Amino acid sequence: MAAQRTTIFAEDMNDEMQTLAIETAQDAFQTSFTKGSVYANIAEMIRAAFDKQDSKGWNCIVGRSFGAFVTHKIKTYIYFQVVPNVCILLWKGQ
């Protein structure tokens, strides 16, 4: 399989957390889901990884077309993609 190209559109997150976000998202997109929405399952997988790593309160949206206006804690926001045309917004609420 060809290497996936990651694009970060906006971020307020340290390098370690960015790496975790990208690696977790790449793993999630490689996972086969049998029930529910694929994007919802991917979002849940990413959110759960961050809740485990950095305590609860994380939110995640995955999809092809969405708008968002969020308030986040400092250094807990990233908007990126690991597959073409599917974006991921990850943040921790105040």
Protein backbone atom coordinates (compact mmCIF):
# COMPACT_ATOMS: atom_id res chain seq x y z
CA MET A 1 0.00 0.00 0.00
CA ALA A 2 1.29 3.48 -0.84
CA ALA A 3 2.21 5.78 2.02
CA GLN A 4 -0.61 8.00 3.15
CA ARG A 5 0.01 11.71 2.88
CA THR A 6 -0.98 13.69 5.94
CA THR A 7 -2.06 17.30 5.64
CA ILE A 8 -2.45 19.47 8.72
CA PHE A 9 -4.70 22.45 8.03
CA ALA A 10 -4.63 24.02 11.50
CA GLU A 11 -3.23 23.03 14.86
CA ASP A 12 -2.62 24.15 18.40
CA MET A 13 -1.05 20.97 19.74
CA ASN A 14 2.43 19.80 20.73
CA ASP A 15 4.39 17.51 18.41
CA GLU A 16 3.89 14.41 20.55
CA MET A 17 0.10 14.78 20.53
CA GLN A 18 0.11 15.56 16.79
CA THR A 19 2.00 12.34 16.15
CA LEU A 20 -0.48 10.41 18.29
CA ALA A 21 -3.40 11.97 16.38
CA ILE A 22 -1.92 11.10 12.98
CA GLU A 23 -0.90 7.55 13.92
CA THR A 24 -4.23 6.83 15.60
CA ALA A 25 -6.13 8.18 12.59
CA GLN A 26 -4.04 6.10 10.18
CA ASP A 27 -4.72 2.98 12.27
CA ALA A 28 -8.43 3.80 12.43
CA PHE A 29 -8.70 4.13 8.65
CA GLN A 30 -7.09 0.69 8.32
CA THR A 31 -9.61 -0.92 10.69
CA SER A 32 -12.61 -2.80 9.32
CA PHE A 33 -15.89 -1.84 10.98
CA THR A 34 -18.95 -4.07 10.65
CA LYS A 35 -21.57 -1.94 12.40
CA GLY A 36 -22.55 1.71 12.29
CA SER A 37 -21.12 4.61 10.35
CA VAL A 38 -17.48 4.15 9.36
CA TYR A 39 -16.69 7.81 10.06
CA ALA A 40 -18.40 7.68 13.46
CA ASN A 41 -16.42 4.55 14.35
CA ILE A 42 -13.16 6.22 13.27
CA ALA A 43 -14.01 9.31 15.33
CA GLU A 44 -14.78 7.16 18.36
CA MET A 45 -11.49 5.27 18.00
CA ILE A 46 -9.49 8.52 17.86
CA ARG A 47 -11.43 10.11 20.72
CA ALA A 48 -11.02 7.02 22.91
CA ALA A 49 -7.25 7.00 22.35
CA PHE A 50 -7.01 10.63 23.44
CA ASP A 51 -9.33 10.14 26.43
CA LYS A 52 -7.01 7.34 27.54
CA GLN A 53 -3.80 9.30 26.91
CA ASP A 54 -4.84 12.70 28.27
CA SER A 55 -8.00 12.24 30.37
CA LYS A 56 -11.60 12.61 29.25
CA GLY A 57 -13.11 15.57 27.44
CA TRP A 58 -11.91 15.03 23.87
CA ASN A 59 -14.18 15.49 20.85
CA CYS A 60 -13.66 14.26 17.31
CA ILE A 61 -15.43 14.79 13.99
CA VAL A 62 -14.57 12.80 10.86
CA GLY A 63 -16.16 13.44 7.50
CA ARG A 64 -16.13 14.83 3.99
CA SER A 65 -18.17 17.98 4.55
CA PHE A 66 -18.83 19.70 7.85
CA GLY A 67 -18.59 23.07 9.49
CA ALA A 68 -17.44 23.65 13.03
CA PHE A 69 -16.91 26.41 15.54
CA VAL A 70 -15.35 25.09 18.73
CA THR A 71 -13.78 26.35 21.93
CA HIS A 72 -10.79 24.31 23.00
CA LYS A 73 -8.22 24.16 25.74
CA ILE A 74 -4.81 25.53 24.78
CA LYS A 75 -2.62 22.98 22.94
CA THR A 76 -5.48 20.52 22.30
CA TYR A 77 -6.70 21.27 18.76
CA ILE A 78 -5.86 19.79 15.37
CA TYR A 79 -7.64 19.80 11.99
CA PHE A 80 -6.07 17.41 9.49
CA GLN A 81 -6.48 14.60 6.98
CA VAL A 82 -4.69 11.28 6.51
CA VAL A 83 -6.71 10.12 3.49
CA PRO A 84 -7.79 12.33 0.59
CA ASN A 85 -11.09 14.21 0.94
CA VAL A 86 -11.82 13.10 4.52
CA CYS A 87 -11.03 15.57 7.30
CA ILE A 88 -10.58 15.06 11.02
CA LEU A 89 -11.20 17.69 13.65
CA LEU A 90 -9.97 16.79 17.14
CA TRP A 91 -10.12 19.03 20.22
CA LYS A 92 -10.49 19.00 23.96
CA GLY A 93 -13.28 21.14 25.37
CA GLN A 94 -12.86 23.78 28.02
